[in-house]
Amino acid sequence: MKRKLSAMDARQRFGEVLEGVYYRGDEVVIERAGRSMAVVVPIERYESMERSRERLFALIEKAQARNRDAPYAVIEQEVARAVREVRTSKRGSKPRRSR
């Protein structure tokens, strides 16, 4: 369950917050003056986000290494072509509206 708590409530009920996160998988947004400041999530969710982040950065590093010697103009053309292809495929998959 997702819920929001003020920083003061979170501090006063910290044990209860931890139990809800650990046992029920709650996600708790902690706010101060109506502004979101932090989120408490189950450790499995955090570890999953970290693994995803590491995979993303590995892919970015791999792409950078593969394109290290490519001229900027060539990379720019390939990116533009890839964007056109994705946009074209998305247009083709959308149902047409009848007028």
Protein backbone atom coordinates (compact mmCIF):
# COMPACT_ATOMS: atom_id res chain seq x y z
CA MET A 1 0.00 0.00 0.00
CA LYS A 2 1.27 3.46 -0.88
CA ARG A 3 0.76 6.16 1.67
CA LYS A 4 2.05 9.55 2.73
CA LEU A 5 3.15 10.67 6.16
CA SER A 6 4.43 13.93 7.52
CA ALA A 7 8.00 13.84 8.76
CA MET A 8 6.73 14.31 12.31
CA ASP A 9 4.30 11.35 12.04
CA ALA A 10 7.00 9.21 10.45
CA ARG A 11 9.37 10.02 13.30
CA GLN A 12 6.78 9.27 15.97
CA ARG A 13 5.66 6.02 14.29
CA PHE A 14 8.96 4.88 12.77
CA GLY A 15 8.69 1.31 14.08
CA GLU A 16 5.19 0.98 12.66
CA VAL A 17 6.36 2.40 9.32
CA LEU A 18 9.22 -0.12 9.14
CA GLU A 19 6.92 -3.02 9.98
CA GLY A 20 4.45 -1.98 7.27
CA VAL A 21 7.24 -1.70 4.72
CA TYR A 22 8.85 -4.99 5.70
CA TYR A 23 5.82 -7.20 6.26
CA ARG A 24 3.21 -5.73 3.89
CA GLY A 25 5.44 -4.19 1.26
CA ASP A 26 4.13 -0.67 1.94
CA GLU A 27 5.74 2.29 0.22
CA VAL A 28 5.72 5.39 2.41
CA VAL A 29 6.34 8.90 1.10
CA ILE A 30 7.60 11.20 3.84
CA GLU A 31 6.65 14.84 3.48
CA ARG A 32 7.72 18.03 5.17
CA ALA A 33 5.53 21.10 4.78
CA GLY A 34 3.54 19.27 2.10
CA ARG A 35 6.65 18.56 0.02
CA SER A 36 7.80 14.99 -0.66
CA MET A 37 11.25 14.51 0.85
CA ALA A 38 11.92 10.76 0.89
CA VAL A 39 10.40 7.34 0.30
CA VAL A 40 10.74 4.22 2.43
CA VAL A 41 10.44 1.08 0.29
CA PRO A 42 11.00 -2.62 0.89
CA ILE A 43 14.62 -3.68 0.50
CA GLU A 44 13.74 -6.02 -2.40
CA ARG A 45 12.31 -3.09 -4.34
CA TYR A 46 15.38 -0.98 -3.63
CA GLU A 47 17.74 -3.77 -4.68
CA SER A 48 15.74 -4.29 -7.87
CA MET A 49 16.01 -0.58 -8.69
CA GLU A 50 19.76 -0.71 -8.05
CA ARG A 51 20.19 -3.71 -10.39
CA SER A 52 18.19 -1.94 -13.09
CA ARG A 53 20.29 1.18 -12.65
CA GLU A 54 23.52 -0.81 -12.90
CA ARG A 55 22.30 -2.55 -16.09
CA LEU A 56 21.35 0.79 -17.61
CA PHE A 57 24.75 2.32 -16.87
CA ALA A 58 26.50 -0.78 -18.25
CA LEU A 59 24.51 -0.42 -21.49
CA ILE A 60 25.37 3.27 -21.69
CA GLU A 61 29.08 2.55 -21.17
CA LYS A 62 28.96 -0.20 -23.80
CA ALA A 63 27.32 2.14 -26.32
CA GLN A 64 29.85 4.87 -25.57
CA ALA A 65 32.76 2.47 -26.04
CA ARG A 66 31.30 1.12 -29.29
CA ASN A 67 30.85 4.65 -30.68
CA ARG A 68 34.02 6.20 -29.29
CA ASP A 69 35.65 6.60 -32.72
CA ALA A 70 32.48 7.38 -34.70
CA PRO A 71 32.14 10.94 -35.99
CA TYR A 72 29.47 12.98 -34.24
CA ALA A 73 27.59 13.64 -37.50
CA VAL A 74 27.25 9.90 -38.17
CA ILE A 75 25.91 9.22 -34.66
CA GLU A 76 23.47 12.11 -35.01
CA GLN A 77 22.17 10.71 -38.34
CA GLU A 78 21.75 7.21 -36.88
CA VAL A 79 19.87 8.54 -33.87
CA ALA A 80 17.57 10.59 -36.11
CA ARG A 81 16.89 7.50 -38.26
CA ALA A 82 16.13 5.37 -35.19
CA VAL A 83 13.74 8.01 -33.84
CA ARG A 84 11.92 8.15 -37.20
CA GLU A 85 11.61 4.35 -37.26
CA VAL A 86 10.13 4.24 -33.75
CA ARG A 87 7.70 7.06 -34.50
CA THR A 88 6.62 5.39 -37.73
CA SER A 89 6.06 2.05 -36.00
CA LYS A 90 4.06 3.74 -33.22
CA ARG A 91 1.87 5.52 -35.78
CA GLY A 92 1.24 2.21 -37.50
CA SER A 93 0.12 0.53 -34.28
CA LYS A 94 -2.35 3.24 -33.23
CA PRO A 95 -5.97 2.70 -34.22
CA ARG A 96 -7.19 5.24 -36.74
CA ARG A 97 -10.04 7.52 -35.69
CA SER A 98 -12.98 7.74 -38.01
CA ARG A 99 -14.25 11.24 -38.77
